[in-house]
Amino acid sequence: MLGRTLFLLLLVAMPARALTPGGGVGTTDCLAEFGGTPTNYPTAHPREIRCTDNDSTCDDDPTPGTCTFRVDVCLNVTDASLPLCTHAALTSYGVDNPQPDTNPLHDFDFQTLEDRVDFLTLPLDPSDHDVCSGPSSMHVALPVRLRTTGVAVYRRGRKALETTVGGSVGEDSDRLKMTCIPAAGSAPCDGITSTFAQLEAHVFPTCARSTCHNVAQGVHLLSLAPGEAYANLVGVPPQNPTAQAAGKLRVDPGHPENSFILDKLRGTLTAGEGDRMPRGLKRLDSLRIRLLQDWIAAGAPPTGFVSPVGCH
């Protein structure tokens, strides 16, 4: 018991004025509040995080194309702006997140935060107040829109954290919106040196998730991670026995019609060839598929630009 008390003391974080209630009912909104990267929008009453990519005042990640925010959850907060809210016995904390973790929509940032609160801070008594979980990282990537004019552009990236803390007085449901804004003058083609490099940066990440092709795993044994994708694709027979018996290759240089990866992305599959990819997510847009097709038709070269789509 002494060890747990000391641990809770170590978890006590920032003062309540630096925290943001999540918009629940006034009588319970102090049961859980958000800390970490300060909310800054709207200016008069900040409830959201809006940050320009690579702005060091709010983005912890120097990598272009992704904002990283710190999110801390504080429980039983002493908040003078919520005079009707009293501390309570708290027993559970949940984040709205598709399950299980093999679901392609599962967010591992959300899972880390939920586990941190559940296993490191709960349960709490009403006398345990202003107890904070410590920061968890939330990564918000900028979506990339390809164009046929030899360029690609960033769009705003968004993520919304929806949580519920439960205890003796019921539940407090909260929401935190996080937005990553493209920096002026930045472009997704910066640093891209070939069509294949663009595929690695702008196409394969949709499939190279922790639940699928980030490593060789399960029945597919196909990693699309940077530095591994080329050797795993070009001239390699698929694991699928039906496609293999038909003489297809994952990528058949110069022959898009015999490249199984295009069949999987388009969903033009025969019986026994499995499901369309990315499984459980929306279909890749036509320009990304065209970029891949152009690259295959040009012989799947590891270097050089071979498509009018996207980066040149």
C-alpha atoms as a PDB file:
ATOM      1  CA  MET A   1       0.000   0.000   0.000  1.00  0.00           C
ATOM      2  CA  LEU A   2       2.873   2.372   0.835  1.00  0.00           C
ATOM      3  CA  GLY A   3       4.450   1.684  -2.561  1.00  0.00           C
ATOM      4  CA  ARG A   4       1.220   2.520  -4.381  1.00  0.00           C
ATOM      5  CA  THR A   5       0.803   5.739  -2.380  1.00  0.00           C
ATOM      6  CA  LEU A   6       4.325   6.842  -3.292  1.00  0.00           C
ATOM      7  CA  PHE A   7       3.691   5.954  -6.926  1.00  0.00           C
ATOM      8  CA  LEU A   8       0.505   8.046  -7.012  1.00  0.00           C
ATOM      9  CA  LEU A   9       2.431  10.964  -5.537  1.00  0.00           C
ATOM     10  CA  LEU A  10       4.956  10.665  -8.354  1.00  0.00           C
ATOM     11  CA  LEU A  11       2.131  10.733 -10.887  1.00  0.00           C
ATOM     12  CA  VAL A  12       0.702  14.032  -9.629  1.00  0.00           C
ATOM     13  CA  ALA A  13       1.441  16.382 -12.481  1.00  0.00           C
ATOM     14  CA  MET A  14       0.518  19.934 -13.510  1.00  0.00           C
ATOM     15  CA  PRO A  15      -1.814  22.358 -11.756  1.00  0.00           C
ATOM     16  CA  ALA A  16      -5.465  22.294 -12.762  1.00  0.00           C
ATOM     17  CA  ARG A  17      -5.260  25.618 -14.646  1.00  0.00           C
ATOM     18  CA  ALA A  18      -3.057  23.913 -17.274  1.00  0.00           C
ATOM     19  CA  LEU A  19      -5.658  21.212 -17.873  1.00  0.00           C
ATOM     20  CA  THR A  20      -8.651  21.056 -20.206  1.00  0.00           C
ATOM     21  CA  PRO A  21     -11.976  19.463 -19.261  1.00  0.00           C
ATOM     22  CA  GLY A  22     -13.307  17.299 -22.043  1.00  0.00           C
ATOM     23  CA  GLY A  23     -16.749  18.840 -22.305  1.00  0.00           C
ATOM     24  CA  GLY A  24     -18.753  16.501 -20.106  1.00  0.00           C
ATOM     25  CA  VAL A  25     -21.452  17.405 -17.575  1.00  0.00           C
ATOM     26  CA  GLY A  26     -20.383  20.073 -15.104  1.00  0.00           C
ATOM     27  CA  THR A  27     -20.991  17.856 -12.083  1.00  0.00           C
ATOM     28  CA  THR A  28     -18.557  15.191 -13.360  1.00  0.00           C
ATOM     29  CA  ASP A  29     -16.243  17.009 -15.798  1.00  0.00           C
ATOM     30  CA  CYS A  30     -13.454  17.305 -13.211  1.00  0.00           C
ATOM     31  CA  LEU A  31     -13.195  13.521 -12.868  1.00  0.00           C
ATOM     32  CA  ALA A  32     -10.896  13.423 -15.903  1.00  0.00           C
ATOM     33  CA  GLU A  33      -9.184  16.302 -17.691  1.00  0.00           C
ATOM     34  CA  PHE A  34      -6.581  16.463 -20.450  1.00  0.00           C
ATOM     35  CA  GLY A  35      -3.068  17.829 -20.036  1.00  0.00           C
ATOM     36  CA  GLY A  36       0.165  17.654 -22.006  1.00  0.00           C
ATOM     37  CA  THR A  37       0.335  19.734 -25.181  1.00  0.00           C
ATOM     38  CA  PRO A  38      -1.836  22.759 -24.336  1.00  0.00           C
ATOM     39  CA  THR A  39      -5.148  23.206 -26.099  1.00  0.00           C
ATOM     40  CA  ASN A  40      -5.193  26.427 -28.137  1.00  0.00           C
ATOM     41  CA  TYR A  41      -8.438  26.555 -30.146  1.00  0.00           C
ATOM     42  CA  PRO A  42     -10.735  28.412 -30.124  1.00  0.00           C
ATOM     43  CA  THR A  43      -8.687  31.219 -28.620  1.00  0.00           C
ATOM     44  CA  ALA A  44     -11.370  32.468 -26.236  1.00  0.00           C
ATOM     45  CA  HIS A  45     -12.109  29.044 -24.757  1.00  0.00           C
ATOM     46  CA  PRO A  46      -9.500  26.482 -25.893  1.00  0.00           C
ATOM     47  CA  ARG A  47     -10.771  22.909 -26.166  1.00  0.00           C
ATOM     48  CA  GLU A  48      -8.739  21.566 -29.104  1.00  0.00           C
ATOM     49  CA  ILE A  49      -5.113  21.236 -30.148  1.00  0.00           C
ATOM     50  CA  ARG A  50      -4.329  22.845 -33.501  1.00  0.00           C
ATOM     51  CA  CYS A  51      -0.707  22.852 -34.524  1.00  0.00           C
ATOM     52  CA  THR A  52       1.294  23.615 -37.659  1.00  0.00           C
ATOM     53  CA  ASP A  53       3.618  20.785 -38.628  1.00  0.00           C
ATOM     54  CA  ASN A  54       7.121  21.297 -37.156  1.00  0.00           C
ATOM     55  CA  ASP A  55       6.043  24.151 -34.882  1.00  0.00           C
ATOM     56  CA  SER A  56       8.228  23.331 -31.895  1.00  0.00           C
ATOM     57  CA  THR A  57       5.817  24.995 -29.467  1.00  0.00           C
ATOM     58  CA  CYS A  58       3.258  22.222 -30.025  1.00  0.00           C
ATOM     59  CA  ASP A  59       4.745  19.533 -32.314  1.00  0.00           C
ATOM     60  CA  ASP A  60       7.183  17.172 -30.595  1.00  0.00           C
ATOM     61  CA  ASP A  61       8.093  15.447 -33.877  1.00  0.00           C
ATOM     62  CA  PRO A  62      10.643  17.152 -36.204  1.00  0.00           C
ATOM     63  CA  THR A  63       9.733  14.776 -39.043  1.00  0.00           C
ATOM     64  CA  PRO A  64       7.822  16.597 -41.811  1.00  0.00           C
ATOM     65  CA  GLY A  65       4.362  15.213 -42.434  1.00  0.00           C
ATOM     66  CA  THR A  66       3.492  14.204 -38.861  1.00  0.00           C
ATOM     67  CA  CYS A  67       2.605  16.099 -35.695  1.00  0.00           C
ATOM     68  CA  THR A  68       3.194  14.441 -32.338  1.00  0.00           C
ATOM     69  CA  PHE A  69       1.247  15.712 -29.346  1.00  0.00           C
ATOM     70  CA  ARG A  70       1.582  14.808 -25.662  1.00  0.00           C
ATOM     71  CA  VAL A  71      -1.667  13.820 -23.963  1.00  0.00           C
ATOM     72  CA  ASP A  72      -1.825  13.425 -20.210  1.00  0.00           C
ATOM     73  CA  VAL A  73      -4.970  12.378 -18.324  1.00  0.00           C
ATOM     74  CA  CYS A  74      -5.499  13.779 -14.844  1.00  0.00           C
ATOM     75  CA  LEU A  75      -8.141  12.341 -12.525  1.00  0.00           C
ATOM     76  CA  ASN A  76     -10.154  13.861  -9.682  1.00  0.00           C
ATOM     77  CA  VAL A  77      -8.932  17.313 -10.660  1.00  0.00           C
ATOM     78  CA  THR A  78      -9.269  20.261  -8.304  1.00  0.00           C
ATOM     79  CA  ASP A  79     -10.811  22.699 -10.790  1.00  0.00           C
ATOM     80  CA  ALA A  80     -12.196  26.034  -9.575  1.00  0.00           C
ATOM     81  CA  SER A  81     -14.055  26.464 -12.868  1.00  0.00           C
ATOM     82  CA  LEU A  82     -16.193  23.409 -12.018  1.00  0.00           C
ATOM     83  CA  PRO A  83     -17.532  24.204  -8.501  1.00  0.00           C
ATOM     84  CA  LEU A  84     -20.302  21.582  -8.678  1.00  0.00           C
ATOM     85  CA  CYS A  85     -17.894  18.750  -9.473  1.00  0.00           C
ATOM     86  CA  THR A  86     -16.682  16.660  -6.524  1.00  0.00           C
ATOM     87  CA  HIS A  87     -14.039  13.957  -6.428  1.00  0.00           C
ATOM     88  CA  ALA A  88     -15.191  10.344  -6.545  1.00  0.00           C
ATOM     89  CA  ALA A  89     -14.023   6.766  -6.342  1.00  0.00           C
ATOM     90  CA  LEU A  90     -12.844   5.930  -9.876  1.00  0.00           C
ATOM     91  CA  THR A  91     -12.518   2.383 -11.153  1.00  0.00           C
ATOM     92  CA  SER A  92     -12.348   2.367 -14.957  1.00  0.00           C
ATOM     93  CA  TYR A  93     -11.089   4.345 -17.925  1.00  0.00           C
ATOM     94  CA  GLY A  94     -11.844   3.585 -21.557  1.00  0.00           C
ATOM     95  CA  VAL A  95     -10.930   5.047 -24.937  1.00  0.00           C
ATOM     96  CA  ASP A  96     -13.205   4.621 -27.937  1.00  0.00           C
ATOM     97  CA  ASN A  97     -11.000   2.418 -30.123  1.00  0.00           C
ATOM     98  CA  PRO A  98     -11.915  -0.440 -32.505  1.00  0.00           C
ATOM     99  CA  GLN A  99     -10.986  -3.832 -31.069  1.00  0.00           C
ATOM    100  CA  PRO A 100      -9.201  -6.221 -31.165  1.00  0.00           C
ATOM    101  CA  ASP A 101      -5.756  -4.821 -31.913  1.00  0.00           C
ATOM    102  CA  THR A 102      -5.734  -6.785 -35.174  1.00  0.00           C
ATOM    103  CA  ASN A 103      -8.546  -4.530 -36.422  1.00  0.00           C
ATOM    104  CA  PRO A 104      -7.021  -2.257 -39.119  1.00  0.00           C
ATOM    105  CA  LEU A 105      -8.760   0.743 -37.537  1.00  0.00           C
ATOM    106  CA  HIS A 106      -7.255   0.072 -34.099  1.00  0.00           C
ATOM    107  CA  ASP A 107      -5.212   3.053 -32.858  1.00  0.00           C
ATOM    108  CA  PHE A 108      -2.196   1.962 -30.826  1.00  0.00           C
ATOM    109  CA  ASP A 109      -1.685   5.503 -29.457  1.00  0.00           C
ATOM    110  CA  PHE A 110      -5.163   5.316 -27.942  1.00  0.00           C
ATOM    111  CA  GLN A 111      -4.475   1.860 -26.538  1.00  0.00           C
ATOM    112  CA  THR A 112      -1.260   3.028 -24.889  1.00  0.00           C
ATOM    113  CA  LEU A 113      -3.061   5.901 -23.191  1.00  0.00           C
ATOM    114  CA  GLU A 114      -5.909   3.679 -21.972  1.00  0.00           C
ATOM    115  CA  ASP A 115      -3.499   1.085 -20.590  1.00  0.00           C
ATOM    116  CA  ARG A 116      -1.436   3.782 -18.895  1.00  0.00           C
ATOM    117  CA  VAL A 117      -4.457   5.195 -17.074  1.00  0.00           C
ATOM    118  CA  ASP A 118      -6.036   1.831 -16.247  1.00  0.00           C
ATOM    119  CA  PHE A 119      -2.925   0.048 -15.005  1.00  0.00           C
ATOM    120  CA  LEU A 120      -0.863   2.901 -13.526  1.00  0.00           C
ATOM    121  CA  THR A 121      -3.459   5.130 -11.823  1.00  0.00           C
ATOM    122  CA  LEU A 122      -6.686   3.212 -11.117  1.00  0.00           C
ATOM    123  CA  PRO A 123      -8.486   2.553  -8.871  1.00  0.00           C
ATOM    124  CA  LEU A 124      -8.659   5.860  -6.988  1.00  0.00           C
ATOM    125  CA  ASP A 125     -10.451   6.866  -3.806  1.00  0.00           C
ATOM    126  CA  PRO A 126     -12.180  10.258  -3.504  1.00  0.00           C
ATOM    127  CA  SER A 127      -9.238  11.371  -1.376  1.00  0.00           C
ATOM    128  CA  ASP A 128      -6.862  10.708  -4.291  1.00  0.00           C
ATOM    129  CA  HIS A 129      -6.972  13.928  -6.254  1.00  0.00           C
ATOM    130  CA  ASP A 130      -5.005  15.607  -9.060  1.00  0.00           C
ATOM    131  CA  VAL A 131      -3.465  12.291 -10.070  1.00  0.00           C
ATOM    132  CA  CYS A 132      -2.040  12.297 -13.597  1.00  0.00           C
ATOM    133  CA  SER A 133      -1.045   9.450 -15.859  1.00  0.00           C
ATOM    134  CA  GLY A 134       2.022  11.027 -17.403  1.00  0.00           C
ATOM    135  CA  PRO A 135       2.156  11.891 -21.114  1.00  0.00           C
ATOM    136  CA  SER A 136       1.398   9.523 -23.984  1.00  0.00           C
ATOM    137  CA  SER A 137       2.299  10.404 -27.567  1.00  0.00           C
ATOM    138  CA  MET A 138      -0.432  10.978 -30.149  1.00  0.00           C
ATOM    139  CA  HIS A 139       0.763  10.895 -33.760  1.00  0.00           C
ATOM    140  CA  VAL A 140      -1.318  12.772 -36.340  1.00  0.00           C
ATOM    141  CA  ALA A 141      -0.127  12.283 -39.919  1.00  0.00           C
ATOM    142  CA  LEU A 142      -0.834  14.704 -42.751  1.00  0.00           C
ATOM    143  CA  PRO A 143      -2.773  12.908 -45.510  1.00  0.00           C
ATOM    144  CA  VAL A 144      -1.181  13.199 -48.962  1.00  0.00           C
ATOM    145  CA  ARG A 145      -3.209  14.027 -52.063  1.00  0.00           C
ATOM    146  CA  LEU A 146      -1.605  12.986 -55.327  1.00  0.00           C
ATOM    147  CA  ARG A 147      -2.108  14.928 -58.527  1.00  0.00           C
ATOM    148  CA  THR A 148      -1.449  14.178 -62.168  1.00  0.00           C
ATOM    149  CA  THR A 149       0.470  17.422 -62.653  1.00  0.00           C
ATOM    150  CA  GLY A 150       3.729  16.172 -61.170  1.00  0.00           C
ATOM    151  CA  VAL A 151       3.065  17.304 -57.601  1.00  0.00           C
ATOM    152  CA  ALA A 152       1.482  16.120 -54.369  1.00  0.00           C
ATOM    153  CA  VAL A 153       0.018  18.222 -51.578  1.00  0.00           C
ATOM    154  CA  TYR A 154      -0.566  17.812 -47.864  1.00  0.00           C
ATOM    155  CA  ARG A 155      -4.016  18.048 -46.291  1.00  0.00           C
ATOM    156  CA  ARG A 156      -4.874  18.634 -42.648  1.00  0.00           C
ATOM    157  CA  GLY A 157      -4.566  15.592 -40.410  1.00  0.00           C
ATOM    158  CA  ARG A 158      -7.083  14.998 -37.649  1.00  0.00           C
ATOM    159  CA  LYS A 159      -7.548  12.669 -34.706  1.00  0.00           C
ATOM    160  CA  ALA A 160     -10.250  12.728 -32.021  1.00  0.00           C
ATOM    161  CA  LEU A 161      -9.806  11.150 -28.603  1.00  0.00           C
ATOM    162  CA  GLU A 162     -13.081  10.066 -26.987  1.00  0.00           C
ATOM    163  CA  THR A 163     -12.858   8.735 -23.444  1.00  0.00           C
ATOM    164  CA  THR A 164     -15.000   7.655 -20.509  1.00  0.00           C
ATOM    165  CA  VAL A 165     -14.016   7.430 -16.841  1.00  0.00           C
ATOM    166  CA  GLY A 166     -16.314   5.482 -14.534  1.00  0.00           C
ATOM    167  CA  GLY A 167     -16.783   5.362 -10.798  1.00  0.00           C
ATOM    168  CA  SER A 168     -19.067   5.813  -7.825  1.00  0.00           C
ATOM    169  CA  VAL A 169     -20.950   8.829  -9.230  1.00  0.00           C
ATOM    170  CA  GLY A 170     -21.409   7.488 -12.746  1.00  0.00           C
ATOM    171  CA  GLU A 171     -19.411   8.341 -15.864  1.00  0.00           C
ATOM    172  CA  ASP A 172     -17.634  11.349 -17.334  1.00  0.00           C
ATOM    173  CA  SER A 173     -17.347  11.275 -21.137  1.00  0.00           C
ATOM    174  CA  ASP A 174     -14.768  13.555 -22.735  1.00  0.00           C
ATOM    175  CA  ARG A 175     -13.446  14.454 -26.175  1.00  0.00           C
ATOM    176  CA  LEU A 176     -10.179  15.990 -27.380  1.00  0.00           C
ATOM    177  CA  LYS A 177      -9.747  16.980 -31.028  1.00  0.00           C
ATOM    178  CA  MET A 178      -6.213  17.182 -32.434  1.00  0.00           C
ATOM    179  CA  THR A 179      -5.373  18.779 -35.783  1.00  0.00           C
ATOM    180  CA  CYS A 180      -2.066  18.891 -37.644  1.00  0.00           C
ATOM    181  CA  ILE A 181      -1.830  21.723 -40.209  1.00  0.00           C
ATOM    182  CA  PRO A 182       0.603  21.638 -43.168  1.00  0.00           C
ATOM    183  CA  ALA A 183       3.442  24.131 -42.862  1.00  0.00           C
ATOM    184  CA  ALA A 184       3.643  26.866 -45.484  1.00  0.00           C
ATOM    185  CA  GLY A 185       6.018  25.875 -48.263  1.00  0.00           C
ATOM    186  CA  SER A 186       6.212  22.200 -47.271  1.00  0.00           C
ATOM    187  CA  ALA A 187       5.284  19.467 -49.717  1.00  0.00           C
ATOM    188  CA  PRO A 188       5.152  15.657 -49.589  1.00  0.00           C
ATOM    189  CA  CYS A 189       7.538  15.485 -52.556  1.00  0.00           C
ATOM    190  CA  ASP A 190      10.338  17.093 -50.539  1.00  0.00           C
ATOM    191  CA  GLY A 191      13.130  14.526 -50.328  1.00  0.00           C
ATOM    192  CA  ILE A 192      11.462  12.020 -52.681  1.00  0.00           C
ATOM    193  CA  THR A 193      14.092  10.821 -55.164  1.00  0.00           C
ATOM    194  CA  SER A 194      12.225   8.216 -57.239  1.00  0.00           C
ATOM    195  CA  THR A 195       8.821   6.765 -58.029  1.00  0.00           C
ATOM    196  CA  PHE A 196       9.577   3.769 -55.817  1.00  0.00           C
ATOM    197  CA  ALA A 197      10.552   6.105 -52.954  1.00  0.00           C
ATOM    198  CA  GLN A 198       7.169   7.771 -53.401  1.00  0.00           C
ATOM    199  CA  LEU A 199       5.427   4.401 -53.246  1.00  0.00           C
ATOM    200  CA  GLU A 200       7.224   3.713 -49.971  1.00  0.00           C
ATOM    201  CA  ALA A 201       6.247   7.122 -48.581  1.00  0.00           C
ATOM    202  CA  HIS A 202       2.720   7.654 -49.917  1.00  0.00           C
ATOM    203  CA  VAL A 203       1.219   4.289 -50.867  1.00  0.00           C
ATOM    204  CA  PHE A 204       2.649   1.425 -48.837  1.00  0.00           C
ATOM    205  CA  PRO A 205       2.080   3.011 -45.371  1.00  0.00           C
ATOM    206  CA  THR A 206      -1.655   2.374 -45.801  1.00  0.00           C
ATOM    207  CA  CYS A 207      -0.837  -1.337 -45.813  1.00  0.00           C
ATOM    208  CA  ALA A 208       2.298  -1.315 -43.641  1.00  0.00           C
ATOM    209  CA  ARG A 209       0.356  -1.024 -40.379  1.00  0.00           C
ATOM    210  CA  SER A 210       1.097  -2.761 -37.114  1.00  0.00           C
ATOM    211  CA  THR A 211      -1.832  -5.068 -37.852  1.00  0.00           C
ATOM    212  CA  CYS A 212      -0.624  -6.211 -41.275  1.00  0.00           C
ATOM    213  CA  HIS A 213       2.343  -5.558 -43.596  1.00  0.00           C
ATOM    214  CA  ASN A 214       4.746  -3.662 -41.339  1.00  0.00           C
ATOM    215  CA  VAL A 215       6.622  -6.964 -40.942  1.00  0.00           C
ATOM    216  CA  ALA A 216       6.432 -10.405 -42.495  1.00  0.00           C
ATOM    217  CA  GLN A 217       3.748 -12.127 -40.437  1.00  0.00           C
ATOM    218  CA  GLY A 218       0.905 -14.623 -40.583  1.00  0.00           C
ATOM    219  CA  VAL A 219       0.091 -16.208 -43.919  1.00  0.00           C
ATOM    220  CA  HIS A 220       1.319 -13.412 -46.195  1.00  0.00           C
ATOM    221  CA  LEU A 221       4.964 -13.114 -45.062  1.00  0.00           C
ATOM    222  CA  LEU A 222       5.082  -9.753 -46.844  1.00  0.00           C
ATOM    223  CA  SER A 223       6.761  -6.732 -45.280  1.00  0.00           C
ATOM    224  CA  LEU A 224       6.196  -3.374 -46.942  1.00  0.00           C
ATOM    225  CA  ALA A 225       8.417  -1.540 -44.476  1.00  0.00           C
ATOM    226  CA  PRO A 226      10.952   0.919 -45.929  1.00  0.00           C
ATOM    227  CA  GLY A 227      14.091  -0.897 -46.986  1.00  0.00           C
ATOM    228  CA  GLU A 228      12.285  -4.241 -47.218  1.00  0.00           C
ATOM    229  CA  ALA A 229       9.426  -3.676 -49.659  1.00  0.00           C
ATOM    230  CA  TYR A 230      11.364  -3.889 -52.937  1.00  0.00           C
ATOM    231  CA  ALA A 231      12.966  -7.275 -52.236  1.00  0.00           C
ATOM    232  CA  ASN A 232       9.643  -8.625 -50.951  1.00  0.00           C
ATOM    233  CA  LEU A 233       7.684  -7.539 -54.022  1.00  0.00           C
ATOM    234  CA  VAL A 234       9.643  -7.565 -57.265  1.00  0.00           C
ATOM    235  CA  GLY A 235       9.782 -10.945 -58.970  1.00  0.00           C
ATOM    236  CA  VAL A 236       8.474 -12.741 -55.859  1.00  0.00           C
ATOM    237  CA  PRO A 237       5.646 -15.318 -56.105  1.00  0.00           C
ATOM    238  CA  PRO A 238       2.684 -14.638 -53.798  1.00  0.00           C
ATOM    239  CA  GLN A 239       1.989 -16.856 -50.795  1.00  0.00           C
ATOM    240  CA  ASN A 240      -1.567 -17.359 -52.023  1.00  0.00           C
ATOM    241  CA  PRO A 241      -1.629 -20.819 -53.661  1.00  0.00           C
ATOM    242  CA  THR A 242      -4.336 -19.930 -56.198  1.00  0.00           C
ATOM    243  CA  ALA A 243      -2.461 -16.878 -57.467  1.00  0.00           C
ATOM    244  CA  GLN A 244       0.792 -18.805 -57.398  1.00  0.00           C
ATOM    245  CA  ALA A 245      -0.705 -21.629 -59.478  1.00  0.00           C
ATOM    246  CA  ALA A 246      -1.849 -19.013 -62.024  1.00  0.00           C
ATOM    247  CA  GLY A 247       1.774 -17.925 -62.467  1.00  0.00           C
ATOM    248  CA  LYS A 248       1.324 -14.499 -60.915  1.00  0.00           C
ATOM    249  CA  LEU A 249       4.045 -12.564 -59.120  1.00  0.00           C
ATOM    250  CA  ARG A 250       3.568  -9.994 -56.406  1.00  0.00           C
ATOM    251  CA  VAL A 251       5.138  -7.526 -58.837  1.00  0.00           C
ATOM    252  CA  ASP A 252       5.937  -8.761 -62.345  1.00  0.00           C
ATOM    253  CA  PRO A 253       8.225  -6.077 -63.845  1.00  0.00           C
ATOM    254  CA  GLY A 254       6.794  -4.807 -67.107  1.00  0.00           C
ATOM    255  CA  HIS A 255       3.560  -6.775 -66.653  1.00  0.00           C
ATOM    256  CA  PRO A 256       0.901  -5.048 -64.544  1.00  0.00           C
ATOM    257  CA  GLU A 257      -1.677  -7.607 -65.699  1.00  0.00           C
ATOM    258  CA  ASN A 258       0.306 -10.384 -63.989  1.00  0.00           C
ATOM    259  CA  SER A 259       1.089  -8.459 -60.792  1.00  0.00           C
ATOM    260  CA  PHE A 260      -0.949  -9.812 -57.891  1.00  0.00           C
ATOM    261  CA  ILE A 261      -0.527  -6.636 -55.834  1.00  0.00           C
ATOM    262  CA  LEU A 262      -2.693  -4.734 -58.320  1.00  0.00           C
ATOM    263  CA  ASP A 263      -5.374  -7.429 -58.197  1.00  0.00           C
ATOM    264  CA  LYS A 264      -5.390  -7.224 -54.397  1.00  0.00           C
ATOM    265  CA  LEU A 265      -5.684  -3.436 -54.361  1.00  0.00           C
ATOM    266  CA  ARG A 266      -8.358  -3.291 -57.058  1.00  0.00           C
ATOM    267  CA  GLY A 267     -10.299  -6.255 -55.737  1.00  0.00           C
ATOM    268  CA  THR A 268     -10.183  -8.016 -59.130  1.00  0.00           C
ATOM    269  CA  LEU A 269      -9.747 -11.420 -57.548  1.00  0.00           C
ATOM    270  CA  THR A 270     -10.824 -14.905 -58.515  1.00  0.00           C
ATOM    271  CA  ALA A 271     -12.133 -17.543 -56.098  1.00  0.00           C
ATOM    272  CA  GLY A 272      -9.410 -18.546 -53.673  1.00  0.00           C
ATOM    273  CA  GLU A 273      -7.326 -15.379 -54.082  1.00  0.00           C
ATOM    274  CA  GLY A 274      -8.429 -13.869 -50.791  1.00  0.00           C
ATOM    275  CA  ASP A 275      -9.739 -10.413 -49.912  1.00  0.00           C
ATOM    276  CA  ARG A 276      -9.209  -6.963 -51.338  1.00  0.00           C
ATOM    277  CA  MET A 277      -6.503  -4.942 -49.631  1.00  0.00           C
ATOM    278  CA  PRO A 278      -6.135  -2.981 -47.479  1.00  0.00           C
ATOM    279  CA  ARG A 279      -8.511  -5.262 -45.616  1.00  0.00           C
ATOM    280  CA  GLY A 280     -11.141  -3.480 -43.575  1.00  0.00           C
ATOM    281  CA  LEU A 281     -10.197  -0.036 -44.919  1.00  0.00           C
ATOM    282  CA  LYS A 282     -11.488   2.010 -47.816  1.00  0.00           C
ATOM    283  CA  ARG A 283     -10.112   1.277 -51.273  1.00  0.00           C
ATOM    284  CA  LEU A 284      -6.946   3.083 -52.311  1.00  0.00           C
ATOM    285  CA  ASP A 285      -7.700   6.027 -54.561  1.00  0.00           C
ATOM    286  CA  SER A 286      -7.260   5.622 -58.313  1.00  0.00           C
ATOM    287  CA  LEU A 287      -4.148   7.821 -58.547  1.00  0.00           C
ATOM    288  CA  ARG A 288      -2.229   5.721 -56.010  1.00  0.00           C
ATOM    289  CA  ILE A 289      -3.121   2.576 -57.931  1.00  0.00           C
ATOM    290  CA  ARG A 290      -2.150   4.285 -61.182  1.00  0.00           C
ATOM    291  CA  LEU A 291       1.209   5.313 -59.709  1.00  0.00           C
ATOM    292  CA  LEU A 292       1.882   1.687 -58.782  1.00  0.00           C
ATOM    293  CA  GLN A 293       0.719   0.444 -62.184  1.00  0.00           C
ATOM    294  CA  ASP A 294       2.939   2.957 -64.030  1.00  0.00           C
ATOM    295  CA  TRP A 295       5.929   1.869 -61.982  1.00  0.00           C
ATOM    296  CA  ILE A 296       5.314  -1.815 -62.702  1.00  0.00           C
ATOM    297  CA  ALA A 297       4.737  -1.140 -66.415  1.00  0.00           C
ATOM    298  CA  ALA A 298       8.074   0.701 -66.560  1.00  0.00           C
ATOM    299  CA  GLY A 299       9.863  -2.401 -65.244  1.00  0.00           C
ATOM    300  CA  ALA A 300       9.606  -1.678 -61.490  1.00  0.00           C
ATOM    301  CA  PRO A 301      12.896   0.233 -61.311  1.00  0.00           C
ATOM    302  CA  PRO A 302      14.373   0.983 -57.876  1.00  0.00           C
ATOM    303  CA  THR A 303      15.460   4.451 -59.022  1.00  0.00           C
ATOM    304  CA  GLY A 304      14.192   7.189 -61.293  1.00  0.00           C
ATOM    305  CA  PHE A 305      10.786   8.783 -61.912  1.00  0.00           C
ATOM    306  CA  VAL A 306       8.585   6.833 -64.316  1.00  0.00           C
ATOM    307  CA  SER A 307       5.048   8.170 -63.763  1.00  0.00           C
ATOM    308  CA  PRO A 308       3.350  11.519 -64.378  1.00  0.00           C
ATOM    309  CA  VAL A 309       1.463  11.031 -61.102  1.00  0.00           C
ATOM    310  CA  GLY A 310       2.752  12.707 -57.969  1.00  0.00           C
ATOM    311  CA  CYS A 311       6.398  13.552 -57.461  1.00  0.00           C
ATOM    312  CA  HIS A 312       8.884  14.185 -60.253  1.00  0.00           C
END
